[in-house]
Amino acid sequence: MVCDATFIKAYSKRDPKDDSRGYSDPDARVGRIEKGYRLGYKLHLAVDANSDLPLAVIAASANEDEEKHAPKLIEKAIHATDRKVRVLVADSQYSSGKLRKHIYSLE
């Protein structure tokens, strides 16, 4: 299983009264993307490494990072595969002792 998040641009301008959110899309938030900040969402995905088919998906505002959504995302993916996940590949956003303990508690 592979986990990561990708940015989705919101088609909205920033709210002049609150620069951290969208004007016509108030659920969109400004998040750090690579070397800058953009308005939009993050799509958190868990996919099967062999088939590239999605196992679990969580859509969230761009200011919420992987660490916040990783436990639920991994839980959903493990449930979707009837606990047949053996290897998890992810970037450093998914590397924490707390998350490891959570994953081991699901077994």
Protein backbone atom coordinates (compact mmCIF):
# COMPACT_ATOMS: atom_id res chain seq x y z
CA MET A 1 0.00 0.00 0.00
CA VAL A 2 1.21 3.50 -0.85
CA CYS A 3 -0.04 6.61 0.98
CA ASP A 4 0.41 10.23 -0.01
CA ALA A 5 -1.48 13.48 -0.49
CA THR A 6 -1.86 15.71 -3.51
CA PHE A 7 -2.96 19.32 -3.84
CA ILE A 8 -6.16 20.28 -5.63
CA LYS A 9 -6.53 23.92 -6.62
CA ALA A 10 -9.70 25.73 -5.58
CA TYR A 11 -11.23 27.88 -8.27
CA SER A 12 -11.75 30.80 -5.95
CA LYS A 13 -9.93 33.96 -5.02
CA ARG A 14 -8.78 34.56 -1.48
CA ASP A 15 -11.30 36.24 0.77
CA PRO A 16 -10.30 39.92 1.21
CA LYS A 17 -11.51 39.79 4.84
CA ASP A 18 -9.67 36.53 5.67
CA ASP A 19 -6.65 35.80 3.46
CA SER A 20 -6.45 32.18 4.69
CA ARG A 21 -9.71 31.04 3.04
CA GLY A 22 -11.52 31.21 -0.28
CA TYR A 23 -14.01 33.93 -1.16
CA SER A 24 -16.52 31.99 -3.32
CA ASP A 25 -15.39 28.67 -1.79
CA PRO A 26 -15.18 29.29 1.98
CA ASP A 27 -14.14 25.65 2.68
CA ALA A 28 -10.92 26.07 0.68
CA ARG A 29 -7.87 26.97 2.75
CA VAL A 30 -4.36 28.20 2.08
CA GLY A 31 -1.78 25.47 2.50
CA ARG A 32 1.95 25.17 1.99
CA ILE A 33 2.59 23.53 -1.37
CA GLU A 34 6.22 22.86 -2.29
CA LYS A 35 7.88 26.28 -2.03
CA GLY A 36 4.79 28.45 -1.80
CA TYR A 37 1.26 28.79 -0.51
CA ARG A 38 -1.88 28.08 -2.51
CA LEU A 39 -5.61 28.05 -1.97
CA GLY A 40 -7.31 24.68 -2.24
CA TYR A 41 -7.65 21.18 -0.86
CA LYS A 42 -5.54 18.09 -0.25
CA LEU A 43 -6.61 14.68 -1.43
CA HIS A 44 -5.16 12.03 0.90
CA LEU A 45 -4.90 8.67 -0.87
CA ALA A 46 -4.04 5.09 -0.02
CA VAL A 47 -3.58 2.96 -3.13
CA ASP A 48 -2.70 -0.65 -3.87
CA ALA A 49 0.94 -0.70 -4.97
CA ASN A 50 0.40 -3.49 -7.51
CA SER A 51 -2.77 -2.32 -9.25
CA ASP A 52 -2.74 1.46 -8.51
CA LEU A 53 -6.38 1.14 -7.45
CA PRO A 54 -7.49 3.42 -4.61
CA LEU A 55 -8.17 1.74 -1.28
CA ALA A 56 -9.09 4.83 0.75
CA VAL A 57 -9.57 8.54 0.07
CA ILE A 58 -9.97 11.55 2.34
CA ALA A 59 -10.53 15.08 1.00
CA ALA A 60 -9.57 17.92 3.34
CA SER A 61 -8.65 21.59 3.20
CA ALA A 62 -5.06 22.34 2.14
CA ASN A 63 -3.97 23.56 5.57
CA GLU A 64 -4.44 20.08 7.09
CA ASP A 65 -1.37 17.88 6.74
CA GLU A 66 -0.93 14.15 6.27
CA GLU A 67 -0.23 13.49 9.95
CA LYS A 68 -3.77 14.53 10.90
CA HIS A 69 -5.50 12.23 8.39
CA ALA A 70 -3.06 9.30 8.26
CA PRO A 71 -4.61 7.20 11.06
CA LYS A 72 -8.12 7.24 9.54
CA LEU A 73 -6.80 6.82 5.98
CA ILE A 74 -4.74 3.75 6.90
CA GLU A 75 -7.58 2.34 8.98
CA LYS A 76 -9.97 2.64 6.02
CA ALA A 77 -7.44 1.01 3.65
CA ILE A 78 -6.78 -1.89 6.00
CA HIS A 79 -10.52 -2.43 6.37
CA ALA A 80 -11.01 -2.30 2.57
CA THR A 81 -8.43 -5.06 2.06
CA ASP A 82 -9.72 -7.30 4.86
CA ARG A 83 -6.46 -6.71 6.78
CA LYS A 84 -4.26 -7.99 3.93
CA VAL A 85 -1.91 -4.98 3.93
CA ARG A 86 1.64 -6.13 4.64
CA VAL A 87 3.79 -3.17 3.53
CA LEU A 88 3.17 0.56 3.79
CA VAL A 89 5.21 2.97 1.66
CA ALA A 90 4.89 6.66 2.47
CA ASP A 91 6.91 9.84 2.84
CA SER A 92 8.18 11.36 6.09
CA GLN A 93 4.81 12.97 6.86
CA TYR A 94 3.61 9.50 7.82
CA SER A 95 6.60 8.71 10.03
CA SER A 96 5.78 9.05 13.72
CA GLY A 97 5.85 6.75 16.70
CA LYS A 98 2.23 7.58 17.46
CA LEU A 99 1.11 6.50 13.98
CA ARG A 100 3.15 3.28 14.16
CA LYS A 101 1.49 2.38 17.47
CA HIS A 102 -1.91 3.09 15.92
CA ILE A 103 -1.16 0.83 12.93
CA TYR A 104 0.03 -2.02 15.15
CA SER A 105 -3.11 -1.71 17.28
CA LEU A 106 -5.23 -2.39 14.16
CA GLU A 107 -3.74 -5.86 13.66
